[in-house]
Amino acid sequence: MEWPATDMLVFLIIAGFVAAFIDSVVGGGGLISVPALMLTGLPPSMMLGTNKLGGTLSSATSTISFIFSGKINGKLVLALFPLSFIGSVLGTYSVHLLPSAFLQPLVVSLLVIVLIYTLFKKNWGAEATPRPLSTTGKTIAAVSAFILGYYDGFFGPGTGSFLLFLFLLLGFDFVGASANAKVLNLASNIASLASFFILGSVHVGYGLPMGIAMIAGAFVGSRVAIRHGSRYVKPLFIGVTTILIGKQLWDLLH
């Protein structure tokens, strides 16, 4: 196992911290961590698997922080957790059979819809509006958890935004939506990481130092979100979603 040189190690630690700080709140940390890992020269599959190691440690840390804050609906996410997990396993397996790039136009379109809806709903997510889930609501939540788990394992970009948007639709405020989204993101990350380990596509020498930095970044990011609430989370969500749209459009056109 090759360990990174000192300058690369410092770079990965800084990039991991920043990526996890953002990802812990609204997702999108891969916009920073993946390009950072590209500079190591790892093969694409190894790079993605190594990124999942850091992402899993980050989402686990965020989940624990949000659990202690009381922002997580335990009954709901425990029901959805296995669906997201199974979906991610199937998605990770599918990526070895099918090209994932064909999803990009659809993903860009959906992210634009999410962004526009959030911008026009001025006070949306400022306060929680809890309501009992109907049978239809439970079915939509279950199907969405499975599909987004599959998507995260198969392609990935924007998963955090889509999960947060799902919980906003279920009546959570931005902080509560972010908290519950991280639990499902943890499920898909664990499943995907396990699959990458089985396929021998995780470089622990690069992933572990970056992952430790991501634990710190996730802890700080989730604490800031809990302390400052929706007035902090919503602008960050809009900003990261906008950047995600730009990144996907750039990749699509080039």
C-alpha atoms as a PDB file:
ATOM      1  CA  MET A   1       0.000   0.000   0.000  1.00  0.00           C
ATOM      2  CA  GLU A   2       1.413   3.355  -1.062  1.00  0.00           C
ATOM      3  CA  TRP A   3       1.197   6.211   1.440  1.00  0.00           C
ATOM      4  CA  PRO A   4       1.007   9.797   0.125  1.00  0.00           C
ATOM      5  CA  ALA A   5       3.983  12.145   0.155  1.00  0.00           C
ATOM      6  CA  THR A   6       3.918  14.850   2.839  1.00  0.00           C
ATOM      7  CA  ASP A   7       2.742  17.653   0.530  1.00  0.00           C
ATOM      8  CA  MET A   8      -0.025  15.478  -0.931  1.00  0.00           C
ATOM      9  CA  LEU A   9      -1.015  14.365   2.569  1.00  0.00           C
ATOM     10  CA  VAL A  10      -1.411  17.976   3.731  1.00  0.00           C
ATOM     11  CA  PHE A  11      -3.409  18.809   0.608  1.00  0.00           C
ATOM     12  CA  LEU A  12      -5.765  15.828   1.078  1.00  0.00           C
ATOM     13  CA  ILE A  13      -6.296  16.689   4.755  1.00  0.00           C
ATOM     14  CA  ILE A  14      -7.261  20.295   3.941  1.00  0.00           C
ATOM     15  CA  ALA A  15      -9.472  19.275   1.015  1.00  0.00           C
ATOM     16  CA  GLY A  16     -11.113  16.550   3.111  1.00  0.00           C
ATOM     17  CA  PHE A  17     -11.932  18.935   5.950  1.00  0.00           C
ATOM     18  CA  VAL A  18     -13.518  21.529   3.631  1.00  0.00           C
ATOM     19  CA  ALA A  19     -15.414  18.887   1.652  1.00  0.00           C
ATOM     20  CA  ALA A  20     -16.859  17.298   4.787  1.00  0.00           C
ATOM     21  CA  PHE A  21     -17.757  20.676   6.313  1.00  0.00           C
ATOM     22  CA  ILE A  22     -20.007  21.381   3.312  1.00  0.00           C
ATOM     23  CA  ASP A  23     -21.183  17.804   2.824  1.00  0.00           C
ATOM     24  CA  SER A  24     -22.265  17.432   6.448  1.00  0.00           C
ATOM     25  CA  VAL A  25     -24.910  20.105   5.938  1.00  0.00           C
ATOM     26  CA  VAL A  26     -26.210  19.967   2.362  1.00  0.00           C
ATOM     27  CA  GLY A  27     -24.141  17.351   0.514  1.00  0.00           C
ATOM     28  CA  GLY A  28     -21.954  18.133  -2.482  1.00  0.00           C
ATOM     29  CA  GLY A  29     -18.629  17.481  -0.764  1.00  0.00           C
ATOM     30  CA  GLY A  30     -17.572  15.374  -3.737  1.00  0.00           C
ATOM     31  CA  LEU A  31     -17.157  18.606  -5.695  1.00  0.00           C
ATOM     32  CA  ILE A  32     -14.022  19.115  -3.604  1.00  0.00           C
ATOM     33  CA  SER A  33     -12.878  15.632  -2.555  1.00  0.00           C
ATOM     34  CA  VAL A  34     -13.076  13.960  -5.985  1.00  0.00           C
ATOM     35  CA  PRO A  35     -10.934  16.575  -7.828  1.00  0.00           C
ATOM     36  CA  ALA A  36      -8.472  16.425  -4.919  1.00  0.00           C
ATOM     37  CA  LEU A  37      -8.156  12.645  -5.287  1.00  0.00           C
ATOM     38  CA  MET A  38      -7.798  12.978  -9.053  1.00  0.00           C
ATOM     39  CA  LEU A  39      -4.446  14.697  -8.397  1.00  0.00           C
ATOM     40  CA  THR A  40      -3.147  11.500  -6.764  1.00  0.00           C
ATOM     41  CA  GLY A  41      -3.209   9.746 -10.141  1.00  0.00           C
ATOM     42  CA  LEU A  42      -5.434   6.913  -8.913  1.00  0.00           C
ATOM     43  CA  PRO A  43      -7.464   5.007 -11.544  1.00  0.00           C
ATOM     44  CA  PRO A  44     -11.094   6.254 -11.768  1.00  0.00           C
ATOM     45  CA  SER A  45     -12.676   3.267  -9.991  1.00  0.00           C
ATOM     46  CA  MET A  46     -10.058   3.395  -7.218  1.00  0.00           C
ATOM     47  CA  MET A  47     -10.550   7.152  -6.875  1.00  0.00           C
ATOM     48  CA  LEU A  48     -14.326   6.763  -6.458  1.00  0.00           C
ATOM     49  CA  GLY A  49     -13.935   3.939  -3.945  1.00  0.00           C
ATOM     50  CA  THR A  50     -11.374   5.920  -1.942  1.00  0.00           C
ATOM     51  CA  ASN A  51     -13.703   8.929  -1.955  1.00  0.00           C
ATOM     52  CA  LYS A  52     -16.474   6.697  -0.554  1.00  0.00           C
ATOM     53  CA  LEU A  53     -14.232   5.812   2.399  1.00  0.00           C
ATOM     54  CA  GLY A  54     -13.941   9.470   3.371  1.00  0.00           C
ATOM     55  CA  GLY A  55     -17.592  10.127   2.553  1.00  0.00           C
ATOM     56  CA  THR A  56     -18.742   7.290   4.791  1.00  0.00           C
ATOM     57  CA  LEU A  57     -16.678   8.520   7.737  1.00  0.00           C
ATOM     58  CA  SER A  58     -18.019  12.032   7.126  1.00  0.00           C
ATOM     59  CA  SER A  59     -21.683  11.024   6.959  1.00  0.00           C
ATOM     60  CA  ALA A  60     -21.306   8.792  10.046  1.00  0.00           C
ATOM     61  CA  THR A  61     -19.895  11.722  12.033  1.00  0.00           C
ATOM     62  CA  SER A  62     -22.663  14.069  10.850  1.00  0.00           C
ATOM     63  CA  THR A  63     -25.320  11.498  11.697  1.00  0.00           C
ATOM     64  CA  ILE A  64     -24.000  11.093  15.249  1.00  0.00           C
ATOM     65  CA  SER A  65     -23.904  14.871  15.743  1.00  0.00           C
ATOM     66  CA  PHE A  66     -27.466  15.271  14.496  1.00  0.00           C
ATOM     67  CA  ILE A  67     -28.691  12.356  16.656  1.00  0.00           C
ATOM     68  CA  PHE A  68     -27.453  14.129  19.792  1.00  0.00           C
ATOM     69  CA  SER A  69     -29.120  17.347  18.629  1.00  0.00           C
ATOM     70  CA  GLY A  70     -32.527  15.631  18.556  1.00  0.00           C
ATOM     71  CA  LYS A  71     -33.078  16.608  14.913  1.00  0.00           C
ATOM     72  CA  ILE A  72     -33.500  13.068  13.566  1.00  0.00           C
ATOM     73  CA  ASN A  73     -36.849  11.305  13.248  1.00  0.00           C
ATOM     74  CA  GLY A  74     -35.640   7.876  14.348  1.00  0.00           C
ATOM     75  CA  LYS A  75     -38.760   5.918  13.442  1.00  0.00           C
ATOM     76  CA  LEU A  76     -38.884   7.314   9.908  1.00  0.00           C
ATOM     77  CA  VAL A  77     -35.204   6.981   9.006  1.00  0.00           C
ATOM     78  CA  LEU A  78     -34.925   3.490  10.508  1.00  0.00           C
ATOM     79  CA  ALA A  79     -37.698   2.400   8.173  1.00  0.00           C
ATOM     80  CA  LEU A  80     -36.035   4.036   5.159  1.00  0.00           C
ATOM     81  CA  PHE A  81     -32.416   3.083   5.996  1.00  0.00           C
ATOM     82  CA  PRO A  82     -32.493  -0.492   4.598  1.00  0.00           C
ATOM     83  CA  LEU A  83     -34.192   0.692   1.405  1.00  0.00           C
ATOM     84  CA  SER A  84     -31.424   3.213   0.763  1.00  0.00           C
ATOM     85  CA  PHE A  85     -28.808   0.570   1.615  1.00  0.00           C
ATOM     86  CA  ILE A  86     -30.214  -2.067  -0.767  1.00  0.00           C
ATOM     87  CA  GLY A  87     -30.687   0.514  -3.516  1.00  0.00           C
ATOM     88  CA  SER A  88     -27.046   1.585  -3.228  1.00  0.00           C
ATOM     89  CA  VAL A  89     -25.772  -2.002  -3.438  1.00  0.00           C
ATOM     90  CA  LEU A  90     -27.748  -2.548  -6.641  1.00  0.00           C
ATOM     91  CA  GLY A  91     -26.601   0.823  -8.021  1.00  0.00           C
ATOM     92  CA  THR A  92     -22.921   0.115  -7.344  1.00  0.00           C
ATOM     93  CA  TYR A  93     -23.245  -3.277  -9.030  1.00  0.00           C
ATOM     94  CA  SER A  94     -25.059  -1.743 -12.006  1.00  0.00           C
ATOM     95  CA  VAL A  95     -22.284   0.772 -12.667  1.00  0.00           C
ATOM     96  CA  HIS A  96     -20.094  -2.133 -13.753  1.00  0.00           C
ATOM     97  CA  LEU A  97     -22.696  -3.169 -16.313  1.00  0.00           C
ATOM     98  CA  LEU A  98     -24.013   0.127 -17.678  1.00  0.00           C
ATOM     99  CA  PRO A  99     -22.519   3.552 -18.490  1.00  0.00           C
ATOM    100  CA  SER A 100     -23.718   6.129 -15.957  1.00  0.00           C
ATOM    101  CA  ALA A 101     -23.133   9.214 -18.125  1.00  0.00           C
ATOM    102  CA  PHE A 102     -26.546   8.937 -19.784  1.00  0.00           C
ATOM    103  CA  LEU A 103     -28.087  10.089 -16.491  1.00  0.00           C
ATOM    104  CA  GLN A 104     -26.450  13.531 -16.640  1.00  0.00           C
ATOM    105  CA  PRO A 105     -29.158  15.372 -18.670  1.00  0.00           C
ATOM    106  CA  LEU A 106     -31.849  14.056 -16.310  1.00  0.00           C
ATOM    107  CA  VAL A 107     -29.834  14.967 -13.215  1.00  0.00           C
ATOM    108  CA  VAL A 108     -29.217  18.521 -14.449  1.00  0.00           C
ATOM    109  CA  SER A 109     -32.931  18.970 -15.178  1.00  0.00           C
ATOM    110  CA  LEU A 110     -33.962  17.695 -11.738  1.00  0.00           C
ATOM    111  CA  LEU A 111     -31.394  19.864  -9.936  1.00  0.00           C
ATOM    112  CA  VAL A 112     -32.668  22.933 -11.801  1.00  0.00           C
ATOM    113  CA  ILE A 113     -36.244  22.109 -10.708  1.00  0.00           C
ATOM    114  CA  VAL A 114     -35.082  21.670  -7.085  1.00  0.00           C
ATOM    115  CA  LEU A 115     -33.224  25.002  -7.191  1.00  0.00           C
ATOM    116  CA  ILE A 116     -36.087  26.974  -8.759  1.00  0.00           C
ATOM    117  CA  TYR A 117     -38.658  25.501  -6.361  1.00  0.00           C
ATOM    118  CA  THR A 118     -36.474  26.359  -3.356  1.00  0.00           C
ATOM    119  CA  LEU A 119     -35.840  29.928  -4.566  1.00  0.00           C
ATOM    120  CA  PHE A 120     -39.519  30.663  -5.173  1.00  0.00           C
ATOM    121  CA  LYS A 121     -40.697  29.167  -1.867  1.00  0.00           C
ATOM    122  CA  LYS A 122     -39.385  32.093   0.157  1.00  0.00           C
ATOM    123  CA  ASN A 123     -40.092  30.863   3.694  1.00  0.00           C
ATOM    124  CA  TRP A 124     -39.966  27.171   2.857  1.00  0.00           C
ATOM    125  CA  GLY A 125     -38.008  25.190   5.419  1.00  0.00           C
ATOM    126  CA  ALA A 126     -37.694  28.068   7.851  1.00  0.00           C
ATOM    127  CA  GLU A 127     -39.802  26.162  10.380  1.00  0.00           C
ATOM    128  CA  ALA A 128     -40.792  22.536  10.678  1.00  0.00           C
ATOM    129  CA  THR A 129     -44.395  21.740   9.771  1.00  0.00           C
ATOM    130  CA  PRO A 130     -44.750  18.221  11.170  1.00  0.00           C
ATOM    131  CA  ARG A 131     -47.710  16.225   9.980  1.00  0.00           C
ATOM    132  CA  PRO A 132     -48.590  12.511  10.072  1.00  0.00           C
ATOM    133  CA  LEU A 133     -47.550  10.739   6.896  1.00  0.00           C
ATOM    134  CA  SER A 134     -50.403   9.289   4.900  1.00  0.00           C
ATOM    135  CA  THR A 135     -50.091   5.901   3.226  1.00  0.00           C
ATOM    136  CA  THR A 136     -49.298   7.720  -0.019  1.00  0.00           C
ATOM    137  CA  GLY A 137     -46.646   9.839   1.724  1.00  0.00           C
ATOM    138  CA  LYS A 138     -45.023   6.754   3.251  1.00  0.00           C
ATOM    139  CA  THR A 139     -44.989   5.032  -0.123  1.00  0.00           C
ATOM    140  CA  ILE A 140     -43.405   8.066  -1.812  1.00  0.00           C
ATOM    141  CA  ALA A 141     -40.775   8.309   0.946  1.00  0.00           C
ATOM    142  CA  ALA A 142     -39.957   4.587   0.678  1.00  0.00           C
ATOM    143  CA  VAL A 143     -39.702   4.594  -3.114  1.00  0.00           C
ATOM    144  CA  SER A 144     -37.626   7.797  -3.058  1.00  0.00           C
ATOM    145  CA  ALA A 145     -35.210   6.345  -0.472  1.00  0.00           C
ATOM    146  CA  PHE A 146     -34.653   3.263  -2.635  1.00  0.00           C
ATOM    147  CA  ILE A 147     -34.263   5.216  -5.898  1.00  0.00           C
ATOM    148  CA  LEU A 148     -31.885   7.781  -4.371  1.00  0.00           C
ATOM    149  CA  GLY A 149     -29.867   4.983  -2.756  1.00  0.00           C
ATOM    150  CA  TYR A 150     -29.599   3.312  -6.160  1.00  0.00           C
ATOM    151  CA  TYR A 151     -28.673   6.627  -7.766  1.00  0.00           C
ATOM    152  CA  ASP A 152     -25.953   7.287  -5.178  1.00  0.00           C
ATOM    153  CA  GLY A 153     -24.382   3.904  -5.834  1.00  0.00           C
ATOM    154  CA  PHE A 154     -24.745   4.212  -9.606  1.00  0.00           C
ATOM    155  CA  PHE A 155     -23.834   7.846 -10.299  1.00  0.00           C
ATOM    156  CA  GLY A 156     -23.936  10.047  -7.190  1.00  0.00           C
ATOM    157  CA  PRO A 157     -23.726  13.816  -7.897  1.00  0.00           C
ATOM    158  CA  GLY A 158     -26.569  15.694  -6.226  1.00  0.00           C
ATOM    159  CA  THR A 159     -27.688  12.866  -3.929  1.00  0.00           C
ATOM    160  CA  GLY A 160     -27.449  15.117  -0.850  1.00  0.00           C
ATOM    161  CA  SER A 161     -29.536  17.821  -2.541  1.00  0.00           C
ATOM    162  CA  PHE A 162     -32.221  15.353  -3.599  1.00  0.00           C
ATOM    163  CA  LEU A 163     -32.400  13.759  -0.130  1.00  0.00           C
ATOM    164  CA  LEU A 164     -32.626  17.142   1.595  1.00  0.00           C
ATOM    165  CA  PHE A 165     -35.362  18.194  -0.840  1.00  0.00           C
ATOM    166  CA  LEU A 166     -37.289  14.965  -0.073  1.00  0.00           C
ATOM    167  CA  PHE A 167     -37.350  15.701   3.655  1.00  0.00           C
ATOM    168  CA  LEU A 168     -38.332  19.321   3.046  1.00  0.00           C
ATOM    169  CA  LEU A 169     -41.332  17.992   1.112  1.00  0.00           C
ATOM    170  CA  LEU A 170     -42.153  15.793   4.120  1.00  0.00           C
ATOM    171  CA  GLY A 171     -42.453  18.924   6.309  1.00  0.00           C
ATOM    172  CA  PHE A 172     -39.039  19.216   7.955  1.00  0.00           C
ATOM    173  CA  ASP A 173     -37.179  22.512   8.292  1.00  0.00           C
ATOM    174  CA  PHE A 174     -33.782  22.853   6.592  1.00  0.00           C
ATOM    175  CA  VAL A 175     -31.772  21.645   9.580  1.00  0.00           C
ATOM    176  CA  GLY A 176     -34.113  18.719  10.245  1.00  0.00           C
ATOM    177  CA  ALA A 177     -34.144  17.820   6.543  1.00  0.00           C
ATOM    178  CA  SER A 178     -30.344  17.926   6.472  1.00  0.00           C
ATOM    179  CA  ALA A 179     -30.124  15.736   9.590  1.00  0.00           C
ATOM    180  CA  ASN A 180     -32.459  13.024   8.308  1.00  0.00           C
ATOM    181  CA  ALA A 181     -30.925  13.149   4.831  1.00  0.00           C
ATOM    182  CA  LYS A 182     -27.497  12.364   6.315  1.00  0.00           C
ATOM    183  CA  VAL A 183     -28.813   9.108   7.810  1.00  0.00           C
ATOM    184  CA  LEU A 184     -29.981   7.862   4.417  1.00  0.00           C
ATOM    185  CA  ASN A 185     -26.772   9.134   2.834  1.00  0.00           C
ATOM    186  CA  LEU A 186     -24.871   7.096   5.433  1.00  0.00           C
ATOM    187  CA  ALA A 187     -26.813   3.980   4.407  1.00  0.00           C
ATOM    188  CA  SER A 188     -25.974   4.377   0.725  1.00  0.00           C
ATOM    189  CA  ASN A 189     -22.347   5.266   1.525  1.00  0.00           C
ATOM    190  CA  ILE A 190     -21.840   2.159   3.688  1.00  0.00           C
ATOM    191  CA  ALA A 191     -23.334  -0.092   1.023  1.00  0.00           C
ATOM    192  CA  SER A 192     -21.316   1.496  -1.781  1.00  0.00           C
ATOM    193  CA  LEU A 193     -18.080   1.446   0.245  1.00  0.00           C
ATOM    194  CA  ALA A 194     -18.533  -2.252   1.071  1.00  0.00           C
ATOM    195  CA  SER A 195     -19.053  -2.973  -2.627  1.00  0.00           C
ATOM    196  CA  PHE A 196     -15.905  -1.015  -3.570  1.00  0.00           C
ATOM    197  CA  PHE A 197     -13.899  -2.915  -0.917  1.00  0.00           C
ATOM    198  CA  ILE A 198     -15.098  -6.236  -2.323  1.00  0.00           C
ATOM    199  CA  LEU A 199     -14.040  -5.087  -5.796  1.00  0.00           C
ATOM    200  CA  GLY A 200     -10.614  -4.012  -4.438  1.00  0.00           C
ATOM    201  CA  SER A 201     -11.206  -0.372  -5.396  1.00  0.00           C
ATOM    202  CA  VAL A 202     -10.331   1.452  -2.161  1.00  0.00           C
ATOM    203  CA  HIS A 203      -6.854   2.924  -1.516  1.00  0.00           C
ATOM    204  CA  VAL A 204      -6.596   3.083   2.277  1.00  0.00           C
ATOM    205  CA  GLY A 205      -3.269   4.943   2.151  1.00  0.00           C
ATOM    206  CA  TYR A 206      -4.945   7.949   0.538  1.00  0.00           C
ATOM    207  CA  GLY A 207      -8.453   7.466   1.902  1.00  0.00           C
ATOM    208  CA  LEU A 208      -7.733   7.067   5.617  1.00  0.00           C
ATOM    209  CA  PRO A 209      -5.830  10.355   6.216  1.00  0.00           C
ATOM    210  CA  MET A 210      -8.403  12.215   4.146  1.00  0.00           C
ATOM    211  CA  GLY A 211     -11.208  10.400   5.973  1.00  0.00           C
ATOM    212  CA  ILE A 212      -9.887  11.398   9.408  1.00  0.00           C
ATOM    213  CA  ALA A 213      -9.839  15.038   8.276  1.00  0.00           C
ATOM    214  CA  MET A 214     -13.388  14.573   6.994  1.00  0.00           C
ATOM    215  CA  ILE A 215     -14.507  13.383  10.428  1.00  0.00           C
ATOM    216  CA  ALA A 216     -13.307  16.709  11.863  1.00  0.00           C
ATOM    217  CA  GLY A 217     -14.897  18.695   9.020  1.00  0.00           C
ATOM    218  CA  ALA A 218     -18.220  16.893   9.399  1.00  0.00           C
ATOM    219  CA  PHE A 219     -18.282  17.465  13.157  1.00  0.00           C
ATOM    220  CA  VAL A 220     -17.623  21.196  12.809  1.00  0.00           C
ATOM    221  CA  GLY A 221     -20.041  21.594   9.872  1.00  0.00           C
ATOM    222  CA  SER A 222     -22.935  19.817  11.555  1.00  0.00           C
ATOM    223  CA  ARG A 223     -22.428  21.779  14.788  1.00  0.00           C
ATOM    224  CA  VAL A 224     -22.472  25.072  12.865  1.00  0.00           C
ATOM    225  CA  ALA A 225     -25.689  24.008  11.100  1.00  0.00           C
ATOM    226  CA  ILE A 226     -27.370  23.071  14.379  1.00  0.00           C
ATOM    227  CA  ARG A 227     -26.300  26.340  16.022  1.00  0.00           C
ATOM    228  CA  HIS A 228     -27.238  28.721  13.190  1.00  0.00           C
ATOM    229  CA  GLY A 229     -30.281  26.914  11.770  1.00  0.00           C
ATOM    230  CA  SER A 230     -32.086  27.433   8.482  1.00  0.00           C
ATOM    231  CA  ARG A 231     -30.725  30.920   7.823  1.00  0.00           C
ATOM    232  CA  TYR A 232     -27.328  29.245   7.351  1.00  0.00           C
ATOM    233  CA  VAL A 233     -28.385  25.955   5.738  1.00  0.00           C
ATOM    234  CA  LYS A 234     -30.709  27.335   3.054  1.00  0.00           C
ATOM    235  CA  PRO A 235     -28.171  29.712   1.385  1.00  0.00           C
ATOM    236  CA  LEU A 236     -25.546  26.954   1.499  1.00  0.00           C
ATOM    237  CA  PHE A 237     -28.012  24.517  -0.070  1.00  0.00           C
ATOM    238  CA  ILE A 238     -28.824  26.983  -2.865  1.00  0.00           C
ATOM    239  CA  GLY A 239     -25.136  27.723  -3.464  1.00  0.00           C
ATOM    240  CA  VAL A 240     -24.013  24.086  -3.578  1.00  0.00           C
ATOM    241  CA  THR A 241     -26.956  23.065  -5.789  1.00  0.00           C
ATOM    242  CA  THR A 242     -26.098  25.885  -8.222  1.00  0.00           C
ATOM    243  CA  ILE A 243     -22.474  24.749  -8.377  1.00  0.00           C
ATOM    244  CA  LEU A 244     -23.596  21.146  -8.894  1.00  0.00           C
ATOM    245  CA  ILE A 245     -25.736  22.228 -11.854  1.00  0.00           C
ATOM    246  CA  GLY A 246     -22.798  24.135 -13.337  1.00  0.00           C
ATOM    247  CA  LYS A 247     -20.430  21.195 -12.823  1.00  0.00           C
ATOM    248  CA  GLN A 248     -22.815  18.715 -14.465  1.00  0.00           C
ATOM    249  CA  LEU A 249     -23.465  21.067 -17.381  1.00  0.00           C
ATOM    250  CA  TRP A 250     -19.713  21.533 -17.876  1.00  0.00           C
ATOM    251  CA  ASP A 251     -19.140  17.757 -17.890  1.00  0.00           C
ATOM    252  CA  LEU A 252     -22.075  17.250 -20.250  1.00  0.00           C
ATOM    253  CA  LEU A 253     -20.859  19.847 -22.754  1.00  0.00           C
ATOM    254  CA  HIS A 254     -17.210  18.718 -22.608  1.00  0.00           C
END
